[in-house]
mmCIF file of all heavy atoms, coordinates in Angstrom:
data_MODEL
# 
_entry.id   MODEL 
# 
loop_
_atom_site.group_PDB 
_atom_site.id 
_atom_site.type_symbol 
_atom_site.label_atom_id 
_atom_site.label_alt_id 
_atom_site.label_comp_id 
_atom_site.label_asym_id 
_atom_site.label_entity_id 
_atom_site.label_seq_id 
_atom_site.pdbx_PDB_ins_code 
_atom_site.Cartn_x 
_atom_site.Cartn_y 
_atom_site.Cartn_z 
_atom_site.occupancy 
_atom_site.B_iso_or_equiv 
_atom_site.pdbx_formal_charge 
_atom_site.auth_seq_id 
_atom_site.auth_comp_id 
_atom_site.auth_asym_id 
_atom_site.auth_atom_id 
_atom_site.pdbx_PDB_model_num 
ATOM 1   N N   . ALA A 1 1  ? 9.309  1.266   -12.385 1.00 0.00 ? 1  ALA A N   1 
ATOM 2   C CA  . ALA A 1 1  ? 9.696  2.178   -11.307 1.00 0.00 ? 1  ALA A CA  1 
ATOM 3   C C   . ALA A 1 1  ? 10.405 1.439   -10.182 1.00 0.00 ? 1  ALA A C   1 
ATOM 4   O O   . ALA A 1 1  ? 11.368 1.940   -9.593  1.00 0.00 ? 1  ALA A O   1 
ATOM 5   C CB  . ALA A 1 1  ? 8.456  2.900   -10.771 1.00 0.00 ? 1  ALA A CB  1 
ATOM 6   N N   . ILE A 1 2  ? 9.954  0.217   -9.892  1.00 0.00 ? 2  ILE A N   1 
ATOM 7   C CA  . ILE A 1 2  ? 10.595 -0.563  -8.834  1.00 0.00 ? 2  ILE A CA  1 
ATOM 8   C C   . ILE A 1 2  ? 11.945 -1.087  -9.302  1.00 0.00 ? 2  ILE A C   1 
ATOM 9   O O   . ILE A 1 2  ? 12.916 -1.121  -8.531  1.00 0.00 ? 2  ILE A O   1 
ATOM 10  C CB  . ILE A 1 2  ? 9.666  -1.714  -8.402  1.00 0.00 ? 2  ILE A CB  1 
ATOM 11  C CG1 . ILE A 1 2  ? 8.406  -1.140  -7.726  1.00 0.00 ? 2  ILE A CG1 1 
ATOM 12  C CG2 . ILE A 1 2  ? 10.379 -2.675  -7.459  1.00 0.00 ? 2  ILE A CG2 1 
ATOM 13  C CD1 . ILE A 1 2  ? 7.378  -2.172  -7.356  1.00 0.00 ? 2  ILE A CD1 1 
ATOM 14  N N   . ARG A 1 3  ? 12.048 -1.469  -10.568 1.00 0.00 ? 3  ARG A N   1 
ATOM 15  C CA  . ARG A 1 3  ? 13.334 -1.919  -11.101 1.00 0.00 ? 3  ARG A CA  1 
ATOM 16  C C   . ARG A 1 3  ? 14.376 -0.806  -11.012 1.00 0.00 ? 3  ARG A C   1 
ATOM 17  O O   . ARG A 1 3  ? 15.537 -1.036  -10.656 1.00 0.00 ? 3  ARG A O   1 
ATOM 18  C CB  . ARG A 1 3  ? 13.184 -2.359  -12.564 1.00 0.00 ? 3  ARG A CB  1 
ATOM 19  C CG  . ARG A 1 3  ? 12.556 -3.724  -12.771 1.00 0.00 ? 3  ARG A CG  1 
ATOM 20  C CD  . ARG A 1 3  ? 12.661 -4.120  -14.224 1.00 0.00 ? 3  ARG A CD  1 
ATOM 21  N NE  . ARG A 1 3  ? 11.927 -5.319  -14.549 1.00 0.00 ? 3  ARG A NE  1 
ATOM 22  C CZ  . ARG A 1 3  ? 12.388 -6.558  -14.375 1.00 0.00 ? 3  ARG A CZ  1 
ATOM 23  N NH1 . ARG A 1 3  ? 13.605 -6.728  -13.894 1.00 0.00 ? 3  ARG A NH1 1 
ATOM 24  N NH2 . ARG A 1 3  ? 11.646 -7.608  -14.718 1.00 0.00 ? 3  ARG A NH2 1 
ATOM 25  N N   . GLU A 1 4  ? 13.965 0.407   -11.347 1.00 0.00 ? 4  GLU A N   1 
ATOM 26  C CA  . GLU A 1 4  ? 14.884 1.552   -11.366 1.00 0.00 ? 4  GLU A CA  1 
ATOM 27  C C   . GLU A 1 4  ? 14.965 2.248   -10.017 1.00 0.00 ? 4  GLU A C   1 
ATOM 28  O O   . GLU A 1 4  ? 15.663 3.256   -9.893  1.00 0.00 ? 4  GLU A O   1 
ATOM 29  C CB  . GLU A 1 4  ? 14.429 2.542   -12.438 1.00 0.00 ? 4  GLU A CB  1 
ATOM 30  C CG  . GLU A 1 4  ? 14.442 1.960   -13.848 1.00 0.00 ? 4  GLU A CG  1 
ATOM 31  C CD  . GLU A 1 4  ? 13.873 2.918   -14.880 1.00 0.00 ? 4  GLU A CD  1 
ATOM 32  O OE1 . GLU A 1 4  ? 13.371 3.992   -14.462 1.00 0.00 ? 4  GLU A OE1 1 
ATOM 33  O OE2 . GLU A 1 4  ? 13.936 2.601   -16.076 1.00 0.00 ? 4  GLU A OE2 1 
ATOM 34  N N   . ARG A 1 5  ? 14.213 1.706   -9.010  1.00 0.00 ? 5  ARG A N   1 
ATOM 35  C CA  . ARG A 1 5  ? 14.189 2.262   -7.657  1.00 0.00 ? 5  ARG A CA  1 
ATOM 36  C C   . ARG A 1 5  ? 13.774 3.725   -7.649  1.00 0.00 ? 5  ARG A C   1 
ATOM 37  O O   . ARG A 1 5  ? 14.312 4.558   -6.895  1.00 0.00 ? 5  ARG A O   1 
ATOM 38  C CB  . ARG A 1 5  ? 15.547 2.082   -6.967  1.00 0.00 ? 5  ARG A CB  1 
ATOM 39  C CG  . ARG A 1 5  ? 15.995 0.634   -6.870  1.00 0.00 ? 5  ARG A CG  1 
ATOM 40  C CD  . ARG A 1 5  ? 17.181 0.477   -5.944  1.00 0.00 ? 5  ARG A CD  1 
ATOM 41  N NE  . ARG A 1 5  ? 16.810 0.763   -4.565  1.00 0.00 ? 5  ARG A NE  1 
ATOM 42  C CZ  . ARG A 1 5  ? 16.211 -0.094  -3.738  1.00 0.00 ? 5  ARG A CZ  1 
ATOM 43  N NH1 . ARG A 1 5  ? 15.896 -1.317  -4.171  1.00 0.00 ? 5  ARG A NH1 1 
ATOM 44  N NH2 . ARG A 1 5  ? 15.929 0.251   -2.503  1.00 0.00 ? 5  ARG A NH2 1 
ATOM 45  N N   . THR A 1 6  ? 12.803 4.057   -8.499  1.00 0.00 ? 6  THR A N   1 
ATOM 46  C CA  . THR A 1 6  ? 12.247 5.408   -8.523  1.00 0.00 ? 6  THR A CA  1 
ATOM 47  C C   . THR A 1 6  ? 10.821 5.433   -7.990  1.00 0.00 ? 6  THR A C   1 
ATOM 48  O O   . THR A 1 6  ? 10.154 6.456   -8.067  1.00 0.00 ? 6  THR A O   1 
ATOM 49  C CB  . THR A 1 6  ? 12.268 5.968   -9.958  1.00 0.00 ? 6  THR A CB  1 
ATOM 50  O OG1 . THR A 1 6  ? 11.518 5.082   -10.827 1.00 0.00 ? 6  THR A OG1 1 
ATOM 51  C CG2 . THR A 1 6  ? 13.681 6.089   -10.468 1.00 0.00 ? 6  THR A CG2 1 
ATOM 52  N N   . HIS A 1 7  ? 10.364 4.295   -7.474  1.00 0.00 ? 7  HIS A N   1 
ATOM 53  C CA  . HIS A 1 7  ? 9.011  4.216   -6.904  1.00 0.00 ? 7  HIS A CA  1 
ATOM 54  C C   . HIS A 1 7  ? 8.921  5.152   -5.706  1.00 0.00 ? 7  HIS A C   1 
ATOM 55  O O   . HIS A 1 7  ? 9.871  5.288   -4.922  1.00 0.00 ? 7  HIS A O   1 
ATOM 56  C CB  . HIS A 1 7  ? 8.711  2.779   -6.492  1.00 0.00 ? 7  HIS A CB  1 
ATOM 57  C CG  . HIS A 1 7  ? 7.286  2.532   -6.134  1.00 0.00 ? 7  HIS A CG  1 
ATOM 58  N ND1 . HIS A 1 7  ? 6.775  2.782   -4.867  1.00 0.00 ? 7  HIS A ND1 1 
ATOM 59  C CD2 . HIS A 1 7  ? 6.230  2.067   -6.860  1.00 0.00 ? 7  HIS A CD2 1 
ATOM 60  C CE1 . HIS A 1 7  ? 5.498  2.467   -4.830  1.00 0.00 ? 7  HIS A CE1 1 
ATOM 61  N NE2 . HIS A 1 7  ? 5.146  2.032   -6.029  1.00 0.00 ? 7  HIS A NE2 1 
ATOM 62  N N   . TRP A 1 8  ? 7.782  5.801   -5.542  1.00 0.00 ? 8  TRP A N   1 
ATOM 63  C CA  . TRP A 1 8  ? 7.641  6.810   -4.490  1.00 0.00 ? 8  TRP A CA  1 
ATOM 64  C C   . TRP A 1 8  ? 7.832  6.249   -3.081  1.00 0.00 ? 8  TRP A C   1 
ATOM 65  O O   . TRP A 1 8  ? 8.244  6.966   -2.161  1.00 0.00 ? 8  TRP A O   1 
ATOM 66  C CB  . TRP A 1 8  ? 6.258  7.462   -4.587  1.00 0.00 ? 8  TRP A CB  1 
ATOM 67  C CG  . TRP A 1 8  ? 5.124  6.520   -4.288  1.00 0.00 ? 8  TRP A CG  1 
ATOM 68  C CD1 . TRP A 1 8  ? 4.486  5.711   -5.165  1.00 0.00 ? 8  TRP A CD1 1 
ATOM 69  C CD2 . TRP A 1 8  ? 4.517  6.291   -3.016  1.00 0.00 ? 8  TRP A CD2 1 
ATOM 70  N NE1 . TRP A 1 8  ? 3.515  4.979   -4.534  1.00 0.00 ? 8  TRP A NE1 1 
ATOM 71  C CE2 . TRP A 1 8  ? 3.497  5.321   -3.211  1.00 0.00 ? 8  TRP A CE2 1 
ATOM 72  C CE3 . TRP A 1 8  ? 4.706  6.807   -1.734  1.00 0.00 ? 8  TRP A CE3 1 
ATOM 73  C CZ2 . TRP A 1 8  ? 2.696  4.857   -2.173  1.00 0.00 ? 8  TRP A CZ2 1 
ATOM 74  C CZ3 . TRP A 1 8  ? 3.905  6.348   -0.695  1.00 0.00 ? 8  TRP A CZ3 1 
ATOM 75  C CH2 . TRP A 1 8  ? 2.915  5.387   -0.916  1.00 0.00 ? 8  TRP A CH2 1 
ATOM 76  N N   . ASN A 1 9  ? 7.595  4.934   -2.909  1.00 0.00 ? 9  ASN A N   1 
ATOM 77  C CA  . ASN A 1 9  ? 7.691  4.340   -1.575  1.00 0.00 ? 9  ASN A CA  1 
ATOM 78  C C   . ASN A 1 9  ? 8.817  3.318   -1.484  1.00 0.00 ? 9  ASN A C   1 
ATOM 79  O O   . ASN A 1 9  ? 8.802  2.443   -0.618  1.00 0.00 ? 9  ASN A O   1 
ATOM 80  C CB  . ASN A 1 9  ? 6.356  3.675   -1.214  1.00 0.00 ? 9  ASN A CB  1 
ATOM 81  C CG  . ASN A 1 9  ? 6.217  3.406   0.259   1.00 0.00 ? 9  ASN A CG  1 
ATOM 82  O OD1 . ASN A 1 9  ? 6.704  4.165   1.107   1.00 0.00 ? 9  ASN A OD1 1 
ATOM 83  N ND2 . ASN A 1 9  ? 5.545  2.324   0.610   1.00 0.00 ? 9  ASN A ND2 1 
ATOM 84  N N   . ILE A 1 10 ? 9.809  3.438   -2.354  1.00 0.00 ? 10 ILE A N   1 
ATOM 85  C CA  . ILE A 1 10 ? 10.843 2.406   -2.444  1.00 0.00 ? 10 ILE A CA  1 
ATOM 86  C C   . ILE A 1 10 ? 11.619 2.258   -1.146  1.00 0.00 ? 10 ILE A C   1 
ATOM 87  O O   . ILE A 1 10 ? 12.050 1.160   -0.788  1.00 0.00 ? 10 ILE A O   1 
ATOM 88  C CB  . ILE A 1 10 ? 11.800 2.718   -3.617  1.00 0.00 ? 10 ILE A CB  1 
ATOM 89  C CG1 . ILE A 1 10 ? 12.728 1.526   -3.897  1.00 0.00 ? 10 ILE A CG1 1 
ATOM 90  C CG2 . ILE A 1 10 ? 12.592 3.984   -3.345  1.00 0.00 ? 10 ILE A CG2 1 
ATOM 91  C CD1 . ILE A 1 10 ? 12.021 0.324   -4.439  1.00 0.00 ? 10 ILE A CD1 1 
ATOM 92  N N   . ASN A 1 11 ? 11.810 3.327   -0.384  1.00 0.00 ? 11 ASN A N   1 
ATOM 93  C CA  . ASN A 1 11 ? 12.603 3.251   0.843   1.00 0.00 ? 11 ASN A CA  1 
ATOM 94  C C   . ASN A 1 11 ? 11.889 2.495   1.962   1.00 0.00 ? 11 ASN A C   1 
ATOM 95  O O   . ASN A 1 11 ? 12.534 2.079   2.928   1.00 0.00 ? 11 ASN A O   1 
ATOM 96  C CB  . ASN A 1 11 ? 12.948 4.662   1.331   1.00 0.00 ? 11 ASN A CB  1 
ATOM 97  C CG  . ASN A 1 11 ? 13.898 5.381   0.389   1.00 0.00 ? 11 ASN A CG  1 
ATOM 98  O OD1 . ASN A 1 11 ? 14.722 4.752   -0.265  1.00 0.00 ? 11 ASN A OD1 1 
ATOM 99  N ND2 . ASN A 1 11 ? 13.778 6.704   0.307   1.00 0.00 ? 11 ASN A ND2 1 
ATOM 100 N N   . ASN A 1 12 ? 10.584 2.341   1.853   1.00 0.00 ? 12 ASN A N   1 
ATOM 101 C CA  . ASN A 1 12 ? 9.821  1.650   2.889   1.00 0.00 ? 12 ASN A CA  1 
ATOM 102 C C   . ASN A 1 12 ? 9.397  0.245   2.467   1.00 0.00 ? 12 ASN A C   1 
ATOM 103 O O   . ASN A 1 12 ? 8.677  -0.419  3.208   1.00 0.00 ? 12 ASN A O   1 
ATOM 104 C CB  . ASN A 1 12 ? 8.569  2.464   3.253   1.00 0.00 ? 12 ASN A CB  1 
ATOM 105 C CG  . ASN A 1 12 ? 8.917  3.822   3.822   1.00 0.00 ? 12 ASN A CG  1 
ATOM 106 O OD1 . ASN A 1 12 ? 9.862  3.967   4.586   1.00 0.00 ? 12 ASN A OD1 1 
ATOM 107 N ND2 . ASN A 1 12 ? 8.143  4.840   3.443   1.00 0.00 ? 12 ASN A ND2 1 
ATOM 108 N N   . MET A 1 13 ? 9.831  -0.192  1.296   1.00 0.00 ? 13 MET A N   1 
ATOM 109 C CA  . MET A 1 13 ? 9.401  -1.484  0.778   1.00 0.00 ? 13 MET A CA  1 
ATOM 110 C C   . MET A 1 13 ? 10.341 -2.594  1.213   1.00 0.00 ? 13 MET A C   1 
ATOM 111 O O   . MET A 1 13 ? 11.546 -2.376  1.357   1.00 0.00 ? 13 MET A O   1 
ATOM 112 C CB  . MET A 1 13 ? 9.298  -1.433  -0.753  1.00 0.00 ? 13 MET A CB  1 
ATOM 113 C CG  . MET A 1 13 ? 8.151  -0.570  -1.251  1.00 0.00 ? 13 MET A CG  1 
ATOM 114 S SD  . MET A 1 13 ? 8.280  -0.155  -3.013  1.00 0.00 ? 13 MET A SD  1 
ATOM 115 C CE  . MET A 1 13 ? 8.469  -1.785  -3.730  1.00 0.00 ? 13 MET A CE  1 
ATOM 116 N N   . GLN A 1 14 ? 9.786  -3.779  1.428   1.00 0.00 ? 14 GLN A N   1 
ATOM 117 C CA  . GLN A 1 14 ? 10.547 -4.967  1.777   1.00 0.00 ? 14 GLN A CA  1 
ATOM 118 C C   . GLN A 1 14 ? 10.165 -6.094  0.810   1.00 0.00 ? 14 GLN A C   1 
ATOM 119 O O   . GLN A 1 14 ? 8.988  -6.298  0.553   1.00 0.00 ? 14 GLN A O   1 
ATOM 120 C CB  . GLN A 1 14 ? 10.250 -5.415  3.211   1.00 0.00 ? 14 GLN A CB  1 
ATOM 121 C CG  . GLN A 1 14 ? 10.714 -4.440  4.275   1.00 0.00 ? 14 GLN A CG  1 
ATOM 122 C CD  . GLN A 1 14 ? 12.226 -4.347  4.374   1.00 0.00 ? 14 GLN A CD  1 
ATOM 123 O OE1 . GLN A 1 14 ? 12.918 -5.310  4.055   1.00 0.00 ? 14 GLN A OE1 1 
ATOM 124 N NE2 . GLN A 1 14 ? 12.733 -3.199  4.803   1.00 0.00 ? 14 GLN A NE2 1 
ATOM 125 N N   . PRO A 1 15 ? 11.137 -6.826  0.267   1.00 0.00 ? 15 PRO A N   1 
ATOM 126 C CA  . PRO A 1 15 ? 10.793 -7.914  -0.662  1.00 0.00 ? 15 PRO A CA  1 
ATOM 127 C C   . PRO A 1 15 ? 10.093 -9.059  0.054   1.00 0.00 ? 15 PRO A C   1 
ATOM 128 O O   . PRO A 1 15 ? 10.605 -9.594  1.039   1.00 0.00 ? 15 PRO A O   1 
ATOM 129 C CB  . PRO A 1 15 ? 12.159 -8.352  -1.212  1.00 0.00 ? 15 PRO A CB  1 
ATOM 130 C CG  . PRO A 1 15 ? 13.150 -7.912  -0.187  1.00 0.00 ? 15 PRO A CG  1 
ATOM 131 C CD  . PRO A 1 15 ? 12.593 -6.678  0.444   1.00 0.00 ? 15 PRO A CD  1 
ATOM 132 N N   . ILE A 1 16 ? 8.892  -9.409  -0.412  1.00 0.00 ? 16 ILE A N   1 
ATOM 133 C CA  . ILE A 1 16 ? 8.110  -10.493 0.175   1.00 0.00 ? 16 ILE A CA  1 
ATOM 134 C C   . ILE A 1 16 ? 7.630  -11.401 -0.951  1.00 0.00 ? 16 ILE A C   1 
ATOM 135 O O   . ILE A 1 16 ? 7.130  -10.928 -1.976  1.00 0.00 ? 16 ILE A O   1 
ATOM 136 C CB  . ILE A 1 16 ? 6.899  -9.965  0.973   1.00 0.00 ? 16 ILE A CB  1 
ATOM 137 C CG1 . ILE A 1 16 ? 7.352  -8.976  2.053   1.00 0.00 ? 16 ILE A CG1 1 
ATOM 138 C CG2 . ILE A 1 16 ? 6.129  -11.111 1.613   1.00 0.00 ? 16 ILE A CG2 1 
ATOM 139 C CD1 . ILE A 1 16 ? 6.196  -8.380  2.834   1.00 0.00 ? 16 ILE A CD1 1 
ATOM 140 N N   . ASP A 1 17 ? 7.764  -12.691 -0.751  1.00 0.00 ? 17 ASP A N   1 
ATOM 141 C CA  . ASP A 1 17 ? 7.374  -13.683 -1.745  1.00 0.00 ? 17 ASP A CA  1 
ATOM 142 C C   . ASP A 1 17 ? 5.874  -13.552 -2.050  1.00 0.00 ? 17 ASP A C   1 
ATOM 143 O O   . ASP A 1 17 ? 5.049  -13.582 -1.142  1.00 0.00 ? 17 ASP A O   1 
ATOM 144 C CB  . ASP A 1 17 ? 7.673  -15.077 -1.202  1.00 0.00 ? 17 ASP A CB  1 
ATOM 145 C CG  . ASP A 1 17 ? 7.579  -16.145 -2.277  1.00 0.00 ? 17 ASP A CG  1 
ATOM 146 O OD1 . ASP A 1 17 ? 6.736  -16.007 -3.168  1.00 0.00 ? 17 ASP A OD1 1 
ATOM 147 O OD2 . ASP A 1 17 ? 8.350  -17.111 -2.208  1.00 0.00 ? 17 ASP A OD2 1 
ATOM 148 N N   . PRO A 1 18 ? 5.493  -13.396 -3.326  1.00 0.00 ? 18 PRO A N   1 
ATOM 149 C CA  . PRO A 1 18 ? 4.074  -13.285 -3.670  1.00 0.00 ? 18 PRO A CA  1 
ATOM 150 C C   . PRO A 1 18 ? 3.272  -14.529 -3.329  1.00 0.00 ? 18 PRO A C   1 
ATOM 151 O O   . PRO A 1 18 ? 2.066  -14.443 -3.115  1.00 0.00 ? 18 PRO A O   1 
ATOM 152 C CB  . PRO A 1 18 ? 4.093  -13.013 -5.177  1.00 0.00 ? 18 PRO A CB  1 
ATOM 153 C CG  . PRO A 1 18 ? 5.418  -13.541 -5.648  1.00 0.00 ? 18 PRO A CG  1 
ATOM 154 C CD  . PRO A 1 18 ? 6.362  -13.309 -4.516  1.00 0.00 ? 18 PRO A CD  1 
ATOM 155 N N   . VAL A 1 19 ? 3.947  -15.696 -3.281  1.00 0.00 ? 19 VAL A N   1 
ATOM 156 C CA  . VAL A 1 19 ? 3.244  -16.918 -2.882  1.00 0.00 ? 19 VAL A CA  1 
ATOM 157 C C   . VAL A 1 19 ? 2.843  -16.834 -1.416  1.00 0.00 ? 19 VAL A C   1 
ATOM 158 O O   . VAL A 1 19 ? 1.735  -17.206 -1.033  1.00 0.00 ? 19 VAL A O   1 
ATOM 159 C CB  . VAL A 1 19 ? 4.127  -18.151 -3.135  1.00 0.00 ? 19 VAL A CB  1 
ATOM 160 C CG1 . VAL A 1 19 ? 3.435  -19.413 -2.647  1.00 0.00 ? 19 VAL A CG1 1 
ATOM 161 C CG2 . VAL A 1 19 ? 4.464  -18.278 -4.616  1.00 0.00 ? 19 VAL A CG2 1 
ATOM 162 N N   . ALA A 1 20 ? 3.740  -16.315 -0.577  1.00 0.00 ? 20 ALA A N   1 
ATOM 163 C CA  . ALA A 1 20 ? 3.430  -16.163 0.842   1.00 0.00 ? 20 ALA A CA  1 
ATOM 164 C C   . ALA A 1 20 ? 2.313  -15.155 1.058   1.00 0.00 ? 20 ALA A C   1 
ATOM 165 O O   . ALA A 1 20 ? 1.540  -15.274 2.015   1.00 0.00 ? 20 ALA A O   1 
ATOM 166 C CB  . ALA A 1 20 ? 4.681  -15.738 1.607   1.00 0.00 ? 20 ALA A CB  1 
ATOM 167 N N   . LEU A 1 21 ? 2.202  -14.171 0.173   1.00 0.00 ? 21 LEU A N   1 
ATOM 168 C CA  . LEU A 1 21 ? 1.144  -13.165 0.286   1.00 0.00 ? 21 LEU A CA  1 
ATOM 169 C C   . LEU A 1 21 ? -0.171 -13.635 -0.308  1.00 0.00 ? 21 LEU A C   1 
ATOM 170 O O   . LEU A 1 21 ? -1.190 -12.975 -0.147  1.00 0.00 ? 21 LEU A O   1 
ATOM 171 C CB  . LEU A 1 21 ? 1.587  -11.871 -0.409  1.00 0.00 ? 21 LEU A CB  1 
ATOM 172 C CG  . LEU A 1 21 ? 2.757  -11.123 0.234   1.00 0.00 ? 21 LEU A CG  1 
ATOM 173 C CD1 . LEU A 1 21 ? 3.192  -9.971  -0.661  1.00 0.00 ? 21 LEU A CD1 1 
ATOM 174 C CD2 . LEU A 1 21 ? 2.362  -10.604 1.611   1.00 0.00 ? 21 LEU A CD2 1 
ATOM 175 N N   . GLY A 1 22 ? -0.147 -14.754 -1.014  1.00 0.00 ? 22 GLY A N   1 
ATOM 176 C CA  . GLY A 1 22 ? -1.363 -15.257 -1.631  1.00 0.00 ? 22 GLY A CA  1 
ATOM 177 C C   . GLY A 1 22 ? -1.719 -14.564 -2.930  1.00 0.00 ? 22 GLY A C   1 
ATOM 178 O O   . GLY A 1 22 ? -2.854 -14.664 -3.402  1.00 0.00 ? 22 GLY A O   1 
ATOM 179 N N   . LEU A 1 23 ? -0.766 -13.874 -3.541  1.00 0.00 ? 23 LEU A N   1 
ATOM 180 C CA  . LEU A 1 23 ? -1.027 -13.178 -4.801  1.00 0.00 ? 23 LEU A CA  1 
ATOM 181 C C   . LEU A 1 23 ? -0.929 -14.103 -6.007  1.00 0.00 ? 23 LEU A C   1 
ATOM 182 O O   . LEU A 1 23 ? -1.457 -13.788 -7.072  1.00 0.00 ? 23 LEU A O   1 
ATOM 183 C CB  . LEU A 1 23 ? -0.045 -12.011 -4.958  1.00 0.00 ? 23 LEU A CB  1 
ATOM 184 C CG  . LEU A 1 23 ? -0.174 -10.894 -3.924  1.00 0.00 ? 23 LEU A CG  1 
ATOM 185 C CD1 . LEU A 1 23 ? 0.922  -9.861  -4.112  1.00 0.00 ? 23 LEU A CD1 1 
ATOM 186 C CD2 . LEU A 1 23 ? -1.549 -10.220 -4.024  1.00 0.00 ? 23 LEU A CD2 1 
ATOM 187 N N   . CYS A 1 24 ? -0.237 -15.220 -5.852  1.00 0.00 ? 24 CYS A N   1 
ATOM 188 C CA  . CYS A 1 24 ? -0.162 -16.206 -6.920  1.00 0.00 ? 24 CYS A CA  1 
ATOM 189 C C   . CYS A 1 24 ? 0.145  -17.553 -6.294  1.00 0.00 ? 24 CYS A C   1 
ATOM 190 O O   . CYS A 1 24 ? 0.495  -17.646 -5.117  1.00 0.00 ? 24 CYS A O   1 
ATOM 191 C CB  . CYS A 1 24 ? 0.895  -15.829 -7.967  1.00 0.00 ? 24 CYS A CB  1 
ATOM 192 S SG  . CYS A 1 24 ? 2.599  -15.901 -7.361  1.00 0.00 ? 24 CYS A SG  1 
ATOM 193 N N   . LYS A 1 25 ? 0.024  -18.612 -7.091  1.00 0.00 ? 25 LYS A N   1 
ATOM 194 C CA  . LYS A 1 25 ? 0.304  -19.955 -6.612  1.00 0.00 ? 25 LYS A CA  1 
ATOM 195 C C   . LYS A 1 25 ? 1.759  -20.311 -6.899  1.00 0.00 ? 25 LYS A C   1 
ATOM 196 O O   . LYS A 1 25 ? 2.375  -19.774 -7.821  1.00 0.00 ? 25 LYS A O   1 
ATOM 197 C CB  . LYS A 1 25 ? -0.618 -20.972 -7.295  1.00 0.00 ? 25 LYS A CB  1 
ATOM 198 C CG  . LYS A 1 25 ? -2.094 -20.749 -7.012  1.00 0.00 ? 25 LYS A CG  1 
ATOM 199 C CD  . LYS A 1 25 ? -2.946 -21.764 -7.745  1.00 0.00 ? 25 LYS A CD  1 
ATOM 200 C CE  . LYS A 1 25 ? -4.426 -21.542 -7.492  1.00 0.00 ? 25 LYS A CE  1 
ATOM 201 N NZ  . LYS A 1 25 ? -5.278 -22.511 -8.245  1.00 0.00 ? 25 LYS A NZ  1 
ATOM 202 N N   . GLN A 1 26 ? 2.295  -21.243 -6.099  1.00 0.00 ? 26 GLN A N   1 
ATOM 203 C CA  . GLN A 1 26 ? 3.671  -21.667 -6.300  1.00 0.00 ? 26 GLN A CA  1 
ATOM 204 C C   . GLN A 1 26 ? 3.856  -22.308 -7.672  1.00 0.00 ? 26 GLN A C   1 
ATOM 205 O O   . GLN A 1 26 ? 4.888  -22.125 -8.322  1.00 0.00 ? 26 GLN A O   1 
ATOM 206 C CB  . GLN A 1 26 ? 4.074  -22.658 -5.206  1.00 0.00 ? 26 GLN A CB  1 
ATOM 207 C CG  . GLN A 1 26 ? 5.537  -23.052 -5.239  1.00 0.00 ? 26 GLN A CG  1 
ATOM 208 C CD  . GLN A 1 26 ? 6.461  -21.888 -4.938  1.00 0.00 ? 26 GLN A CD  1 
ATOM 209 O OE1 . GLN A 1 26 ? 6.303  -21.225 -3.925  1.00 0.00 ? 26 GLN A OE1 1 
ATOM 210 N NE2 . GLN A 1 26 ? 7.430  -21.629 -5.816  1.00 0.00 ? 26 GLN A NE2 1 
# 
């Protein structure tokens, strides 16, 4: 959905590095 930009909140989303968010390790 995000690839095709059909996600319900796509207009309010900002790309953020998952490492900076702590979701995964570098």
